[in-house]
Amino acid sequence: MAKILIAESEVECFTQRKIMFEEAGHEVFQFSDMDEMSQWTTSEDVCGVVLSEHFTLGDPTHLIEKVKAKFLAPIMVCTDLKDEDTHSALLESGADDVITTSATPRLWQARLNALLRQYPSDKSAVLTFGSLVVDSRARLVTLNNREVYLTSHEFELLWLLARNAGNVLSREYVYQTIIEKPYQDDTRTVDVRISRLRKKLEDDPSQPSKIKTIWKQGYIFVKEAWQ
């Protein structure tokens, strides 16, 4: 049995897919808006996400990155459009698959099964960088074989940074992904949370070497610094 999340605002469409997936033995859940989606955490054992264009008001591209950052699961986007440009744009935006709303139940099942084969093993939910181990299932962090207590907000931030190790994440991206609200230039929410995280993980928080600030760009998780 796989746990499937369907992001769909139209009840009839959700019901049709729910019946179809449950008949195949899967456990199905719905979120009909962003507030419901934000209640799910990365520790939830989600195996696949079906993102409808109805849920995104006709433009799934701006949500794909946010959903991928929140869940470990692959994403299939459902669209009414059949043209190549639309499907290509969705795939280039990060979708793992694209299917048309009018596809037959047989094709839906086949594509869902293919999607689920991309679901990462349990080991993929545990990130290890030298002395640091981050377990998203247990929401557990250990450093030098000692457990580090993190608040829920701190864990979500660390998980986002660690999943993107070696890449600079802008303050705006971190804010919108973690806080899930429009970014405001004068806010210091991200800076404060980064500072708290450094106090718990850095050898010298005043001179951070593991979670570094890149001037005018954002933050980077330095994967080689955790030895």
C-alpha atoms as a PDB file:
ATOM      1  CA  MET A   1       0.000   0.000   0.000  1.00  0.00           C
ATOM      2  CA  ALA A   2       1.276   3.451  -0.926  1.00  0.00           C
ATOM      3  CA  LYS A   3       0.194   6.771   0.564  1.00  0.00           C
ATOM      4  CA  ILE A   4      -0.873   9.144  -2.208  1.00  0.00           C
ATOM      5  CA  LEU A   5      -1.619  12.849  -1.768  1.00  0.00           C
ATOM      6  CA  ILE A   6      -3.918  14.488  -4.300  1.00  0.00           C
ATOM      7  CA  ALA A   7      -3.849  18.281  -4.557  1.00  0.00           C
ATOM      8  CA  GLU A   8      -7.273  18.903  -6.063  1.00  0.00           C
ATOM      9  CA  SER A   9      -9.815  21.633  -5.333  1.00  0.00           C
ATOM     10  CA  GLU A  10     -12.669  20.080  -7.331  1.00  0.00           C
ATOM     11  CA  VAL A  11     -14.516  17.426  -5.337  1.00  0.00           C
ATOM     12  CA  GLU A  12     -15.702  15.403  -8.328  1.00  0.00           C
ATOM     13  CA  CYS A  13     -12.218  15.090  -9.808  1.00  0.00           C
ATOM     14  CA  PHE A  14     -10.745  14.104  -6.448  1.00  0.00           C
ATOM     15  CA  THR A  15     -13.457  11.503  -5.840  1.00  0.00           C
ATOM     16  CA  GLN A  16     -12.847   9.858  -9.215  1.00  0.00           C
ATOM     17  CA  ARG A  17      -9.122   9.513  -8.594  1.00  0.00           C
ATOM     18  CA  LYS A  18      -9.598   8.467  -4.979  1.00  0.00           C
ATOM     19  CA  ILE A  19     -11.826   5.569  -6.017  1.00  0.00           C
ATOM     20  CA  MET A  20      -9.432   4.582  -8.786  1.00  0.00           C
ATOM     21  CA  PHE A  21      -6.341   4.600  -6.556  1.00  0.00           C
ATOM     22  CA  GLU A  22      -8.063   2.900  -3.609  1.00  0.00           C
ATOM     23  CA  GLU A  23      -9.199   0.083  -5.897  1.00  0.00           C
ATOM     24  CA  ALA A  24      -5.520  -0.448  -6.652  1.00  0.00           C
ATOM     25  CA  GLY A  25      -4.848  -0.785  -2.916  1.00  0.00           C
ATOM     26  CA  HIS A  26      -3.455   2.665  -2.166  1.00  0.00           C
ATOM     27  CA  GLU A  27      -4.212   5.019   0.727  1.00  0.00           C
ATOM     28  CA  VAL A  28      -5.429   8.369  -0.603  1.00  0.00           C
ATOM     29  CA  PHE A  29      -5.531  11.809   1.017  1.00  0.00           C
ATOM     30  CA  GLN A  30      -6.558  15.203  -0.313  1.00  0.00           C
ATOM     31  CA  PHE A  31      -5.489  18.750   0.254  1.00  0.00           C
ATOM     32  CA  SER A  32      -7.779  21.253  -1.410  1.00  0.00           C
ATOM     33  CA  ASP A  33      -5.767  24.395  -0.592  1.00  0.00           C
ATOM     34  CA  MET A  34      -2.344  25.539   0.569  1.00  0.00           C
ATOM     35  CA  ASP A  35      -3.372  25.691   4.232  1.00  0.00           C
ATOM     36  CA  GLU A  36      -4.151  21.977   4.209  1.00  0.00           C
ATOM     37  CA  MET A  37      -0.895  21.206   2.420  1.00  0.00           C
ATOM     38  CA  SER A  38       1.127  23.140   4.994  1.00  0.00           C
ATOM     39  CA  GLN A  39      -0.201  20.848   7.757  1.00  0.00           C
ATOM     40  CA  TRP A  40       1.675  17.897   6.288  1.00  0.00           C
ATOM     41  CA  THR A  41       5.296  17.542   7.341  1.00  0.00           C
ATOM     42  CA  THR A  42       8.257  15.959   5.593  1.00  0.00           C
ATOM     43  CA  SER A  43       8.108  13.085   8.093  1.00  0.00           C
ATOM     44  CA  GLU A  44       4.824  11.871   6.657  1.00  0.00           C
ATOM     45  CA  ASP A  45       5.380   8.679   4.646  1.00  0.00           C
ATOM     46  CA  VAL A  46       4.063  10.079   1.366  1.00  0.00           C
ATOM     47  CA  CYS A  47       4.879   7.986  -1.698  1.00  0.00           C
ATOM     48  CA  GLY A  48       3.473  10.177  -4.467  1.00  0.00           C
ATOM     49  CA  VAL A  49       1.794  13.546  -5.068  1.00  0.00           C
ATOM     50  CA  VAL A  50      -0.754  14.211  -7.815  1.00  0.00           C
ATOM     51  CA  LEU A  51      -0.935  17.959  -8.423  1.00  0.00           C
ATOM     52  CA  SER A  52      -3.974  19.206 -10.367  1.00  0.00           C
ATOM     53  CA  GLU A  53      -4.025  22.421 -12.366  1.00  0.00           C
ATOM     54  CA  HIS A  54      -7.401  23.144 -10.722  1.00  0.00           C
ATOM     55  CA  PHE A  55      -5.612  23.297  -7.368  1.00  0.00           C
ATOM     56  CA  THR A  56      -3.076  25.745  -8.767  1.00  0.00           C
ATOM     57  CA  LEU A  57      -5.594  27.937 -10.596  1.00  0.00           C
ATOM     58  CA  GLY A  58      -4.343  26.739 -13.952  1.00  0.00           C
ATOM     59  CA  ASP A  59      -0.597  27.261 -13.388  1.00  0.00           C
ATOM     60  CA  PRO A  60       1.086  24.337 -11.584  1.00  0.00           C
ATOM     61  CA  THR A  61       4.644  25.494 -12.337  1.00  0.00           C
ATOM     62  CA  HIS A  62       4.897  27.902  -9.394  1.00  0.00           C
ATOM     63  CA  LEU A  63       3.952  25.167  -6.897  1.00  0.00           C
ATOM     64  CA  ILE A  64       6.016  22.263  -8.193  1.00  0.00           C
ATOM     65  CA  GLU A  65       9.240  23.474  -6.574  1.00  0.00           C
ATOM     66  CA  LYS A  66       7.497  24.159  -3.269  1.00  0.00           C
ATOM     67  CA  VAL A  67       5.883  20.696  -3.185  1.00  0.00           C
ATOM     68  CA  LYS A  68       9.173  19.001  -4.092  1.00  0.00           C
ATOM     69  CA  ALA A  69      10.902  20.866  -1.276  1.00  0.00           C
ATOM     70  CA  LYS A  70       8.267  19.776   1.231  1.00  0.00           C
ATOM     71  CA  PHE A  71       7.907  16.099   0.312  1.00  0.00           C
ATOM     72  CA  LEU A  72      10.359  13.382  -0.640  1.00  0.00           C
ATOM     73  CA  ALA A  73       7.822  11.933  -3.061  1.00  0.00           C
ATOM     74  CA  PRO A  74       7.741  12.290  -6.862  1.00  0.00           C
ATOM     75  CA  ILE A  75       5.100  14.553  -8.419  1.00  0.00           C
ATOM     76  CA  MET A  76       2.666  13.893 -11.247  1.00  0.00           C
ATOM     77  CA  VAL A  77       0.870  16.952 -12.640  1.00  0.00           C
ATOM     78  CA  CYS A  78      -2.621  16.570 -14.087  1.00  0.00           C
ATOM     79  CA  THR A  79      -3.644  19.049 -16.780  1.00  0.00           C
ATOM     80  CA  ASP A  80      -6.546  19.512 -19.184  1.00  0.00           C
ATOM     81  CA  LEU A  81      -4.102  20.623 -21.873  1.00  0.00           C
ATOM     82  CA  LYS A  82      -2.571  18.131 -24.279  1.00  0.00           C
ATOM     83  CA  ASP A  83      -0.081  20.285 -26.169  1.00  0.00           C
ATOM     84  CA  GLU A  84       3.604  19.465 -26.122  1.00  0.00           C
ATOM     85  CA  ASP A  85       4.693  22.918 -24.934  1.00  0.00           C
ATOM     86  CA  THR A  86       2.588  22.702 -21.767  1.00  0.00           C
ATOM     87  CA  HIS A  87       3.810  19.215 -20.866  1.00  0.00           C
ATOM     88  CA  SER A  88       7.426  20.142 -21.602  1.00  0.00           C
ATOM     89  CA  ALA A  89       7.194  23.268 -19.431  1.00  0.00           C
ATOM     90  CA  LEU A  90       5.796  21.267 -16.512  1.00  0.00           C
ATOM     91  CA  LEU A  91       8.535  18.651 -16.760  1.00  0.00           C
ATOM     92  CA  GLU A  92      11.190  21.358 -17.013  1.00  0.00           C
ATOM     93  CA  SER A  93       9.698  22.981 -13.892  1.00  0.00           C
ATOM     94  CA  GLY A  94      10.409  19.820 -11.905  1.00  0.00           C
ATOM     95  CA  ALA A  95       7.394  17.543 -12.386  1.00  0.00           C
ATOM     96  CA  ASP A  96       8.312  13.851 -12.556  1.00  0.00           C
ATOM     97  CA  ASP A  97       5.419  13.097 -14.892  1.00  0.00           C
ATOM     98  CA  VAL A  98       2.509  14.844 -16.617  1.00  0.00           C
ATOM     99  CA  ILE A  99      -0.853  13.286 -17.468  1.00  0.00           C
ATOM    100  CA  THR A 100      -3.980  14.673 -19.104  1.00  0.00           C
ATOM    101  CA  THR A 101      -7.215  14.779 -17.121  1.00  0.00           C
ATOM    102  CA  SER A 102      -9.020  12.729 -19.765  1.00  0.00           C
ATOM    103  CA  ALA A 103      -6.585   9.795 -19.610  1.00  0.00           C
ATOM    104  CA  THR A 104      -8.180   6.360 -19.210  1.00  0.00           C
ATOM    105  CA  PRO A 105      -8.174   4.640 -15.792  1.00  0.00           C
ATOM    106  CA  ARG A 106      -5.760   2.046 -17.188  1.00  0.00           C
ATOM    107  CA  LEU A 107      -3.289   4.744 -18.221  1.00  0.00           C
ATOM    108  CA  TRP A 108      -3.701   6.536 -14.874  1.00  0.00           C
ATOM    109  CA  GLN A 109      -2.824   3.318 -13.042  1.00  0.00           C
ATOM    110  CA  ALA A 110       0.147   2.583 -15.269  1.00  0.00           C
ATOM    111  CA  ARG A 111       1.551   6.077 -14.886  1.00  0.00           C
ATOM    112  CA  LEU A 112       0.970   6.054 -11.119  1.00  0.00           C
ATOM    113  CA  ASN A 113       2.798   2.732 -10.799  1.00  0.00           C
ATOM    114  CA  ALA A 114       5.698   4.149 -12.796  1.00  0.00           C
ATOM    115  CA  LEU A 115       5.691   7.216 -10.549  1.00  0.00           C
ATOM    116  CA  LEU A 116       5.771   5.122  -7.381  1.00  0.00           C
ATOM    117  CA  ARG A 117       8.829   3.263  -8.629  1.00  0.00           C
ATOM    118  CA  GLN A 118      10.662   6.565  -8.279  1.00  0.00           C
ATOM    119  CA  TYR A 119       9.783   6.756  -4.575  1.00  0.00           C
ATOM    120  CA  PRO A 120      13.019   6.786  -2.564  1.00  0.00           C
ATOM    121  CA  SER A 121      13.918   4.024  -0.160  1.00  0.00           C
ATOM    122  CA  ASP A 122      14.034   4.678   3.574  1.00  0.00           C
ATOM    123  CA  LYS A 123      17.762   5.322   3.286  1.00  0.00           C
ATOM    124  CA  SER A 124      17.051   8.297   1.054  1.00  0.00           C
ATOM    125  CA  ALA A 125      15.118   9.833   3.925  1.00  0.00           C
ATOM    126  CA  VAL A 126      18.295   9.820   6.002  1.00  0.00           C
ATOM    127  CA  LEU A 127      20.967  12.307   4.977  1.00  0.00           C
ATOM    128  CA  THR A 128      24.498  11.827   6.304  1.00  0.00           C
ATOM    129  CA  PHE A 129      27.280  14.382   6.076  1.00  0.00           C
ATOM    130  CA  GLY A 130      30.282  13.183   8.039  1.00  0.00           C
ATOM    131  CA  SER A 131      29.362  13.572  11.712  1.00  0.00           C
ATOM    132  CA  LEU A 132      25.854  14.906  10.962  1.00  0.00           C
ATOM    133  CA  VAL A 133      22.876  12.597  10.416  1.00  0.00           C
ATOM    134  CA  VAL A 134      19.427  13.974   9.586  1.00  0.00           C
ATOM    135  CA  ASP A 135      16.535  11.493   9.635  1.00  0.00           C
ATOM    136  CA  SER A 136      13.362  12.969   8.144  1.00  0.00           C
ATOM    137  CA  ARG A 137      11.164  10.006   9.069  1.00  0.00           C
ATOM    138  CA  ALA A 138      12.037  10.078  12.768  1.00  0.00           C
ATOM    139  CA  ARG A 139      12.700  13.833  12.641  1.00  0.00           C
ATOM    140  CA  LEU A 140      15.939  13.109  14.450  1.00  0.00           C
ATOM    141  CA  VAL A 141      19.284  14.898  14.183  1.00  0.00           C
ATOM    142  CA  THR A 142      22.563  13.589  15.567  1.00  0.00           C
ATOM    143  CA  LEU A 143      25.931  15.338  15.541  1.00  0.00           C
ATOM    144  CA  ASN A 144      29.076  13.485  16.630  1.00  0.00           C
ATOM    145  CA  ASN A 145      26.815  10.598  17.725  1.00  0.00           C
ATOM    146  CA  ARG A 146      24.843  12.853  20.072  1.00  0.00           C
ATOM    147  CA  GLU A 147      21.215  13.797  19.530  1.00  0.00           C
ATOM    148  CA  VAL A 148      20.585  17.479  18.851  1.00  0.00           C
ATOM    149  CA  TYR A 149      17.194  18.822  19.859  1.00  0.00           C
ATOM    150  CA  LEU A 150      15.619  20.983  17.161  1.00  0.00           C
ATOM    151  CA  THR A 151      12.243  22.640  17.129  1.00  0.00           C
ATOM    152  CA  SER A 152       9.898  21.772  14.281  1.00  0.00           C
ATOM    153  CA  HIS A 153      10.798  25.013  12.479  1.00  0.00           C
ATOM    154  CA  GLU A 154      14.516  24.394  12.925  1.00  0.00           C
ATOM    155  CA  PHE A 155      14.237  20.850  11.615  1.00  0.00           C
ATOM    156  CA  GLU A 156      12.299  21.945   8.509  1.00  0.00           C
ATOM    157  CA  LEU A 157      14.964  24.565   7.806  1.00  0.00           C
ATOM    158  CA  LEU A 158      17.849  22.129   8.274  1.00  0.00           C
ATOM    159  CA  TRP A 159      16.155  19.525   6.086  1.00  0.00           C
ATOM    160  CA  LEU A 160      15.643  22.060   3.311  1.00  0.00           C
ATOM    161  CA  LEU A 161      19.277  23.166   3.472  1.00  0.00           C
ATOM    162  CA  ALA A 162      20.630  19.612   3.691  1.00  0.00           C
ATOM    163  CA  ARG A 163      18.536  18.371   0.772  1.00  0.00           C
ATOM    164  CA  ASN A 164      20.075  21.161  -1.286  1.00  0.00           C
ATOM    165  CA  ALA A 165      23.607  20.721   0.045  1.00  0.00           C
ATOM    166  CA  GLY A 166      26.166  22.608  -2.011  1.00  0.00           C
ATOM    167  CA  ASN A 167      23.576  24.911  -3.567  1.00  0.00           C
ATOM    168  CA  VAL A 168      22.939  28.516  -2.580  1.00  0.00           C
ATOM    169  CA  LEU A 169      19.335  29.075  -1.492  1.00  0.00           C
ATOM    170  CA  SER A 170      18.069  32.636  -1.549  1.00  0.00           C
ATOM    171  CA  ARG A 171      16.466  34.139   1.540  1.00  0.00           C
ATOM    172  CA  GLU A 172      13.265  34.594  -0.478  1.00  0.00           C
ATOM    173  CA  TYR A 173      13.174  30.930  -1.521  1.00  0.00           C
ATOM    174  CA  VAL A 174      13.798  29.698   2.021  1.00  0.00           C
ATOM    175  CA  TYR A 175      11.115  32.008   3.411  1.00  0.00           C
ATOM    176  CA  GLN A 176       8.460  31.039   0.871  1.00  0.00           C
ATOM    177  CA  THR A 177       9.228  27.324   1.212  1.00  0.00           C
ATOM    178  CA  ILE A 178       9.326  27.176   5.005  1.00  0.00           C
ATOM    179  CA  ILE A 179       6.903  29.949   5.979  1.00  0.00           C
ATOM    180  CA  GLU A 180       4.670  29.481   2.911  1.00  0.00           C
ATOM    181  CA  LYS A 181       3.756  33.155   2.736  1.00  0.00           C
ATOM    182  CA  PRO A 182       4.714  35.952   0.313  1.00  0.00           C
ATOM    183  CA  TYR A 183       8.226  37.199   1.015  1.00  0.00           C
ATOM    184  CA  GLN A 184       8.736  40.651   2.550  1.00  0.00           C
ATOM    185  CA  ASP A 185      12.107  42.357   2.129  1.00  0.00           C
ATOM    186  CA  ASP A 186      12.202  43.735   5.666  1.00  0.00           C
ATOM    187  CA  THR A 187      11.586  40.420   7.418  1.00  0.00           C
ATOM    188  CA  ARG A 188      14.394  38.800   9.409  1.00  0.00           C
ATOM    189  CA  THR A 189      12.556  35.563  10.118  1.00  0.00           C
ATOM    190  CA  VAL A 190      14.942  33.446   8.049  1.00  0.00           C
ATOM    191  CA  ASP A 191      18.036  35.153   9.491  1.00  0.00           C
ATOM    192  CA  VAL A 192      16.843  34.496  13.041  1.00  0.00           C
ATOM    193  CA  ARG A 193      16.135  30.830  12.342  1.00  0.00           C
ATOM    194  CA  ILE A 194      19.491  30.381  10.620  1.00  0.00           C
ATOM    195  CA  SER A 195      21.194  31.950  13.645  1.00  0.00           C
ATOM    196  CA  ARG A 196      19.436  29.570  16.047  1.00  0.00           C
ATOM    197  CA  LEU A 197      20.375  26.600  13.904  1.00  0.00           C
ATOM    198  CA  ARG A 198      24.016  27.657  13.848  1.00  0.00           C
ATOM    199  CA  LYS A 199      24.112  27.925  17.643  1.00  0.00           C
ATOM    200  CA  LYS A 200      23.136  24.261  17.868  1.00  0.00           C
ATOM    201  CA  LEU A 201      25.279  22.892  15.045  1.00  0.00           C
ATOM    202  CA  GLU A 202      28.301  25.120  14.403  1.00  0.00           C
ATOM    203  CA  ASP A 203      31.606  24.799  16.277  1.00  0.00           C
ATOM    204  CA  ASP A 204      31.828  28.596  16.345  1.00  0.00           C
ATOM    205  CA  PRO A 205      28.459  30.216  15.546  1.00  0.00           C
ATOM    206  CA  SER A 206      30.120  33.633  15.218  1.00  0.00           C
ATOM    207  CA  GLN A 207      32.203  32.301  12.314  1.00  0.00           C
ATOM    208  CA  PRO A 208      29.957  29.742  10.637  1.00  0.00           C
ATOM    209  CA  SER A 209      31.626  27.252   8.318  1.00  0.00           C
ATOM    210  CA  LYS A 210      28.850  24.687   7.888  1.00  0.00           C
ATOM    211  CA  ILE A 211      25.836  26.867   7.131  1.00  0.00           C
ATOM    212  CA  LYS A 212      27.346  29.878   5.432  1.00  0.00           C
ATOM    213  CA  THR A 213      25.925  33.175   4.261  1.00  0.00           C
ATOM    214  CA  ILE A 214      26.750  34.077   0.673  1.00  0.00           C
ATOM    215  CA  TRP A 215      26.611  37.855   0.422  1.00  0.00           C
ATOM    216  CA  LYS A 216      23.648  39.136  -1.590  1.00  0.00           C
ATOM    217  CA  GLN A 217      22.744  35.572  -2.607  1.00  0.00           C
ATOM    218  CA  GLY A 218      21.542  33.559   0.368  1.00  0.00           C
ATOM    219  CA  TYR A 219      22.667  30.536   2.377  1.00  0.00           C
ATOM    220  CA  ILE A 220      24.577  27.384   1.562  1.00  0.00           C
ATOM    221  CA  PHE A 221      24.876  24.092   3.444  1.00  0.00           C
ATOM    222  CA  VAL A 222      28.552  23.107   3.096  1.00  0.00           C
ATOM    223  CA  LYS A 223      28.521  19.325   2.912  1.00  0.00           C
ATOM    224  CA  GLU A 224      32.310  18.940   3.247  1.00  0.00           C
ATOM    225  CA  ALA A 225      32.397  20.865   6.554  1.00  0.00           C
ATOM    226  CA  TRP A 226      30.776  18.190   8.738  1.00  0.00           C
ATOM    227  CA  GLN A 227      33.758  15.851   9.025  1.00  0.00           C
END
